[in-house]
Amino acid sequence: MALSLRFLAACAAAVLVTAAVFAAEATSAQPAAATKPAAAPVSAVKTEGPTVALPKFEVSANRLREIDLTIKKLEKLIARETKLLEKSAVDDTLNNEKVSKAAALFGGKSTVQRASVAAVRIESMEKEISLLETLRTPLTNEDRALMEKLVTDQRTYRRELDITLR
């Protein structure tokens, strides 16, 4: 309670000081304004060439939050995939190159092959994160559509990676 009273007192003091400064500037500016000539009307000002309109872009907090959540999900997936890069002693024993070649009939994969697929997935997710971070910046509608298409293509590539390696 005491903190909020101190805060209110500080705010009131700041308002009073600001009002006093503006009052002092107004009294000193009045004689100077009388001696200056009046500014030219807006219609009398000439402009050269046509007016240039800048491209419109959308900035909204919801879009940024969605991108941030997607980036966090991808970072969790990257952490999960990095665990697949490391092979344990049991995994190496059960899925070494010799055993996996003999058991290829049953559809087994070696630890080396699974680690290489995990590395490709991690690389793909890192590219997607960099594209999403680019989407966080203000872009024109055409650039935004292109970047969203690239993100969708990257997701499709990652999804189809397992299918092609089966």
C-alpha atoms as a PDB file:
ATOM      1  CA  MET A   1       0.000   0.000   0.000  1.00  0.00           C
ATOM      2  CA  ALA A   2       2.825   2.360   0.894  1.00  0.00           C
ATOM      3  CA  LEU A   3       4.526   1.580  -2.411  1.00  0.00           C
ATOM      4  CA  SER A   4       1.447   2.517  -4.412  1.00  0.00           C
ATOM      5  CA  LEU A   5       1.065   5.801  -2.473  1.00  0.00           C
ATOM      6  CA  ARG A   6       4.704   6.640  -3.196  1.00  0.00           C
ATOM      7  CA  PHE A   7       4.141   5.813  -6.847  1.00  0.00           C
ATOM      8  CA  LEU A   8       1.052   8.060  -7.030  1.00  0.00           C
ATOM      9  CA  ALA A   9       2.942  10.900  -5.324  1.00  0.00           C
ATOM     10  CA  ALA A  10       5.826  10.559  -7.784  1.00  0.00           C
ATOM     11  CA  CYS A  11       3.400  10.590 -10.735  1.00  0.00           C
ATOM     12  CA  ALA A  12       1.636  13.688  -9.404  1.00  0.00           C
ATOM     13  CA  ALA A  13       4.985  15.453  -8.949  1.00  0.00           C
ATOM     14  CA  ALA A  14       6.016  14.571 -12.498  1.00  0.00           C
ATOM     15  CA  VAL A  15       2.756  15.966 -13.877  1.00  0.00           C
ATOM     16  CA  LEU A  16       3.175  19.206 -11.912  1.00  0.00           C
ATOM     17  CA  VAL A  17       6.769  19.655 -13.101  1.00  0.00           C
ATOM     18  CA  THR A  18       5.750  18.998 -16.715  1.00  0.00           C
ATOM     19  CA  ALA A  19       2.891  21.501 -16.461  1.00  0.00           C
ATOM     20  CA  ALA A  20       5.236  24.132 -15.008  1.00  0.00           C
ATOM     21  CA  VAL A  21       7.750  23.603 -17.845  1.00  0.00           C
ATOM     22  CA  PHE A  22       5.059  23.971 -20.506  1.00  0.00           C
ATOM     23  CA  ALA A  23       3.706  27.114 -18.837  1.00  0.00           C
ATOM     24  CA  ALA A  24       7.202  28.648 -18.785  1.00  0.00           C
ATOM     25  CA  GLU A  25       7.746  27.795 -22.473  1.00  0.00           C
ATOM     26  CA  ALA A  26       4.367  29.266 -23.431  1.00  0.00           C
ATOM     27  CA  THR A  27       5.090  32.626 -21.770  1.00  0.00           C
ATOM     28  CA  SER A  28       8.555  32.891 -23.329  1.00  0.00           C
ATOM     29  CA  ALA A  29       7.327  31.789 -26.787  1.00  0.00           C
ATOM     30  CA  GLN A  30       4.487  34.334 -27.074  1.00  0.00           C
ATOM     31  CA  PRO A  31       6.659  37.421 -27.840  1.00  0.00           C
ATOM     32  CA  ALA A  32       8.743  35.458 -30.339  1.00  0.00           C
ATOM     33  CA  ALA A  33       5.627  34.236 -32.145  1.00  0.00           C
ATOM     34  CA  ALA A  34       4.426  37.777 -32.696  1.00  0.00           C
ATOM     35  CA  THR A  35       7.607  38.766 -34.549  1.00  0.00           C
ATOM     36  CA  LYS A  36       7.760  35.665 -36.838  1.00  0.00           C
ATOM     37  CA  PRO A  37       5.894  35.755 -40.151  1.00  0.00           C
ATOM     38  CA  ALA A  38       2.972  33.363 -40.549  1.00  0.00           C
ATOM     39  CA  ALA A  39       3.706  29.984 -42.141  1.00  0.00           C
ATOM     40  CA  ALA A  40       2.589  29.375 -45.734  1.00  0.00           C
ATOM     41  CA  PRO A  41      -0.740  27.586 -46.080  1.00  0.00           C
ATOM     42  CA  VAL A  42      -0.586  23.889 -46.908  1.00  0.00           C
ATOM     43  CA  SER A  43      -2.169  24.368 -50.347  1.00  0.00           C
ATOM     44  CA  ALA A  44       0.589  26.811 -51.337  1.00  0.00           C
ATOM     45  CA  VAL A  45       3.331  24.228 -50.767  1.00  0.00           C
ATOM     46  CA  LYS A  46       4.326  22.565 -54.042  1.00  0.00           C
ATOM     47  CA  THR A  47       5.326  18.938 -54.188  1.00  0.00           C
ATOM     48  CA  GLU A  48       7.315  17.355 -56.944  1.00  0.00           C
ATOM     49  CA  GLY A  49       6.020  14.165 -58.602  1.00  0.00           C
ATOM     50  CA  PRO A  50       3.207  11.857 -57.562  1.00  0.00           C
ATOM     51  CA  THR A  51       2.728  10.707 -54.000  1.00  0.00           C
ATOM     52  CA  VAL A  52       4.341   7.346 -53.308  1.00  0.00           C
ATOM     53  CA  ALA A  53       2.368   4.832 -51.252  1.00  0.00           C
ATOM     54  CA  LEU A  54       4.394   2.332 -49.259  1.00  0.00           C
ATOM     55  CA  PRO A  55       3.329  -1.330 -49.328  1.00  0.00           C
ATOM     56  CA  LYS A  56       1.010  -2.354 -46.537  1.00  0.00           C
ATOM     57  CA  PHE A  57       1.990  -5.070 -44.098  1.00  0.00           C
ATOM     58  CA  GLU A  58       0.256  -6.678 -41.156  1.00  0.00           C
ATOM     59  CA  VAL A  59       1.627  -6.548 -37.634  1.00  0.00           C
ATOM     60  CA  SER A  60      -0.369  -8.388 -35.032  1.00  0.00           C
ATOM     61  CA  ALA A  61       0.522  -9.946 -31.732  1.00  0.00           C
ATOM     62  CA  ASN A  62      -1.484 -13.103 -32.432  1.00  0.00           C
ATOM     63  CA  ARG A  63       0.568 -13.927 -35.521  1.00  0.00           C
ATOM     64  CA  LEU A  64       3.802 -13.403 -33.609  1.00  0.00           C
ATOM     65  CA  ARG A  65       2.601 -15.592 -30.728  1.00  0.00           C
ATOM     66  CA  GLU A  66       1.725 -18.395 -33.154  1.00  0.00           C
ATOM     67  CA  ILE A  67       5.164 -18.176 -34.726  1.00  0.00           C
ATOM     68  CA  ASP A  68       6.834 -18.179 -31.289  1.00  0.00           C
ATOM     69  CA  LEU A  69       4.863 -21.271 -30.231  1.00  0.00           C
ATOM     70  CA  THR A  70       5.795 -23.047 -33.448  1.00  0.00           C
ATOM     71  CA  ILE A  71       9.464 -22.189 -32.899  1.00  0.00           C
ATOM     72  CA  LYS A  72       9.305 -23.571 -29.334  1.00  0.00           C
ATOM     73  CA  LYS A  73       7.738 -26.812 -30.602  1.00  0.00           C
ATOM     74  CA  LEU A  74      10.455 -27.148 -33.217  1.00  0.00           C
ATOM     75  CA  GLU A  75      13.160 -26.559 -30.608  1.00  0.00           C
ATOM     76  CA  LYS A  76      11.671 -29.359 -28.489  1.00  0.00           C
ATOM     77  CA  LEU A  77      11.643 -31.646 -31.527  1.00  0.00           C
ATOM     78  CA  ILE A  78      15.275 -30.749 -32.245  1.00  0.00           C
ATOM     79  CA  ALA A  79      16.199 -31.654 -28.662  1.00  0.00           C
ATOM     80  CA  ARG A  80      14.399 -34.984 -29.079  1.00  0.00           C
ATOM     81  CA  GLU A  81      16.154 -35.684 -32.382  1.00  0.00           C
ATOM     82  CA  THR A  82      19.596 -34.866 -30.947  1.00  0.00           C
ATOM     83  CA  LYS A  83      19.080 -37.710 -28.484  1.00  0.00           C
ATOM     84  CA  LEU A  84      18.732 -40.031 -31.488  1.00  0.00           C
ATOM     85  CA  LEU A  85      22.144 -38.938 -32.736  1.00  0.00           C
ATOM     86  CA  GLU A  86      23.788 -40.509 -29.708  1.00  0.00           C
ATOM     87  CA  LYS A  87      23.780 -44.290 -29.650  1.00  0.00           C
ATOM     88  CA  SER A  88      23.774 -46.290 -26.449  1.00  0.00           C
ATOM     89  CA  ALA A  89      25.702 -49.497 -25.881  1.00  0.00           C
ATOM     90  CA  VAL A  90      22.527 -51.587 -25.987  1.00  0.00           C
ATOM     91  CA  ASP A  91      21.328 -49.893 -29.154  1.00  0.00           C
ATOM     92  CA  ASP A  92      24.707 -50.362 -30.789  1.00  0.00           C
ATOM     93  CA  THR A  93      24.718 -54.044 -29.856  1.00  0.00           C
ATOM     94  CA  LEU A  94      21.233 -54.736 -31.125  1.00  0.00           C
ATOM     95  CA  ASN A  95      21.350 -52.544 -34.220  1.00  0.00           C
ATOM     96  CA  ASN A  96      24.941 -52.618 -35.392  1.00  0.00           C
ATOM     97  CA  GLU A  97      25.778 -52.776 -39.085  1.00  0.00           C
ATOM     98  CA  LYS A  98      26.254 -56.571 -39.250  1.00  0.00           C
ATOM     99  CA  VAL A  99      23.042 -57.452 -37.439  1.00  0.00           C
ATOM    100  CA  SER A 100      20.923 -54.911 -39.319  1.00  0.00           C
ATOM    101  CA  LYS A 101      22.138 -56.223 -42.707  1.00  0.00           C
ATOM    102  CA  ALA A 102      21.228 -59.755 -41.687  1.00  0.00           C
ATOM    103  CA  ALA A 103      17.872 -58.603 -40.295  1.00  0.00           C
ATOM    104  CA  ALA A 104      17.096 -56.279 -43.210  1.00  0.00           C
ATOM    105  CA  LEU A 105      14.491 -58.812 -44.206  1.00  0.00           C
ATOM    106  CA  PHE A 106      12.472 -57.700 -41.166  1.00  0.00           C
ATOM    107  CA  GLY A 107      12.867 -53.993 -41.920  1.00  0.00           C
ATOM    108  CA  GLY A 108      15.448 -53.086 -39.288  1.00  0.00           C
ATOM    109  CA  LYS A 109      17.698 -50.047 -39.565  1.00  0.00           C
ATOM    110  CA  SER A 110      21.213 -49.637 -38.256  1.00  0.00           C
ATOM    111  CA  THR A 111      22.096 -47.020 -35.674  1.00  0.00           C
ATOM    112  CA  VAL A 112      24.286 -45.243 -38.229  1.00  0.00           C
ATOM    113  CA  GLN A 113      21.371 -44.965 -40.673  1.00  0.00           C
ATOM    114  CA  ARG A 114      18.976 -43.744 -37.985  1.00  0.00           C
ATOM    115  CA  ALA A 115      21.524 -41.174 -36.800  1.00  0.00           C
ATOM    116  CA  SER A 116      21.995 -39.848 -40.330  1.00  0.00           C
ATOM    117  CA  VAL A 117      18.214 -39.533 -40.792  1.00  0.00           C
ATOM    118  CA  ALA A 118      17.985 -37.710 -37.441  1.00  0.00           C
ATOM    119  CA  ALA A 119      20.743 -35.317 -38.559  1.00  0.00           C
ATOM    120  CA  VAL A 120      18.840 -34.542 -41.776  1.00  0.00           C
ATOM    121  CA  ARG A 121      15.654 -33.939 -39.772  1.00  0.00           C
ATOM    122  CA  ILE A 122      17.489 -31.589 -37.402  1.00  0.00           C
ATOM    123  CA  GLU A 123      18.902 -29.639 -40.333  1.00  0.00           C
ATOM    124  CA  SER A 124      15.427 -29.382 -41.865  1.00  0.00           C
ATOM    125  CA  MET A 125      13.924 -28.129 -38.583  1.00  0.00           C
ATOM    126  CA  GLU A 126      16.681 -25.534 -38.209  1.00  0.00           C
ATOM    127  CA  LYS A 127      15.918 -24.243 -41.711  1.00  0.00           C
ATOM    128  CA  GLU A 128      12.238 -24.048 -40.785  1.00  0.00           C
ATOM    129  CA  ILE A 129      13.083 -22.074 -37.642  1.00  0.00           C
ATOM    130  CA  SER A 130      15.132 -19.576 -39.665  1.00  0.00           C
ATOM    131  CA  LEU A 131      12.223 -19.176 -42.108  1.00  0.00           C
ATOM    132  CA  LEU A 132       9.792 -18.639 -39.216  1.00  0.00           C
ATOM    133  CA  GLU A 133      12.089 -16.028 -37.690  1.00  0.00           C
ATOM    134  CA  THR A 134      12.060 -14.244 -41.037  1.00  0.00           C
ATOM    135  CA  LEU A 135       8.255 -14.339 -40.922  1.00  0.00           C
ATOM    136  CA  ARG A 136       8.364 -12.446 -37.609  1.00  0.00           C
ATOM    137  CA  THR A 137       9.686  -9.374 -39.430  1.00  0.00           C
ATOM    138  CA  PRO A 138       7.335  -7.047 -41.326  1.00  0.00           C
ATOM    139  CA  LEU A 139       6.985  -8.266 -44.911  1.00  0.00           C
ATOM    140  CA  THR A 140       4.853  -7.407 -47.890  1.00  0.00           C
ATOM    141  CA  ASN A 141       1.990  -9.755 -48.699  1.00  0.00           C
ATOM    142  CA  GLU A 142       3.877 -11.337 -51.617  1.00  0.00           C
ATOM    143  CA  ASP A 143       6.996 -11.948 -49.532  1.00  0.00           C
ATOM    144  CA  ARG A 144       4.899 -13.335 -46.682  1.00  0.00           C
ATOM    145  CA  ALA A 145       3.120 -15.748 -49.040  1.00  0.00           C
ATOM    146  CA  LEU A 146       6.476 -16.886 -50.446  1.00  0.00           C
ATOM    147  CA  MET A 147       7.953 -17.462 -46.984  1.00  0.00           C
ATOM    148  CA  GLU A 148       4.847 -19.371 -45.826  1.00  0.00           C
ATOM    149  CA  LYS A 149       5.109 -21.556 -48.939  1.00  0.00           C
ATOM    150  CA  LEU A 150       8.771 -22.262 -48.141  1.00  0.00           C
ATOM    151  CA  VAL A 151       7.853 -23.227 -44.561  1.00  0.00           C
ATOM    152  CA  THR A 152       5.133 -25.560 -45.853  1.00  0.00           C
ATOM    153  CA  ASP A 153       7.570 -27.121 -48.330  1.00  0.00           C
ATOM    154  CA  GLN A 154      10.119 -27.666 -45.568  1.00  0.00           C
ATOM    155  CA  ARG A 155       7.499 -29.386 -43.379  1.00  0.00           C
ATOM    156  CA  THR A 156       6.435 -31.598 -46.285  1.00  0.00           C
ATOM    157  CA  TYR A 157      10.053 -32.555 -46.958  1.00  0.00           C
ATOM    158  CA  ARG A 158      10.572 -33.520 -43.308  1.00  0.00           C
ATOM    159  CA  ARG A 159       7.326 -35.520 -43.251  1.00  0.00           C
ATOM    160  CA  GLU A 160       8.184 -37.429 -46.414  1.00  0.00           C
ATOM    161  CA  LEU A 161      11.748 -38.114 -45.285  1.00  0.00           C
ATOM    162  CA  ASP A 162      10.711 -41.187 -43.291  1.00  0.00           C
ATOM    163  CA  ILE A 163       8.513 -42.473 -46.105  1.00  0.00           C
ATOM    164  CA  THR A 164      11.319 -42.318 -48.666  1.00  0.00           C
ATOM    165  CA  LEU A 165      13.775 -44.129 -46.380  1.00  0.00           C
ATOM    166  CA  ARG A 166      11.493 -47.097 -45.633  1.00  0.00           C
END
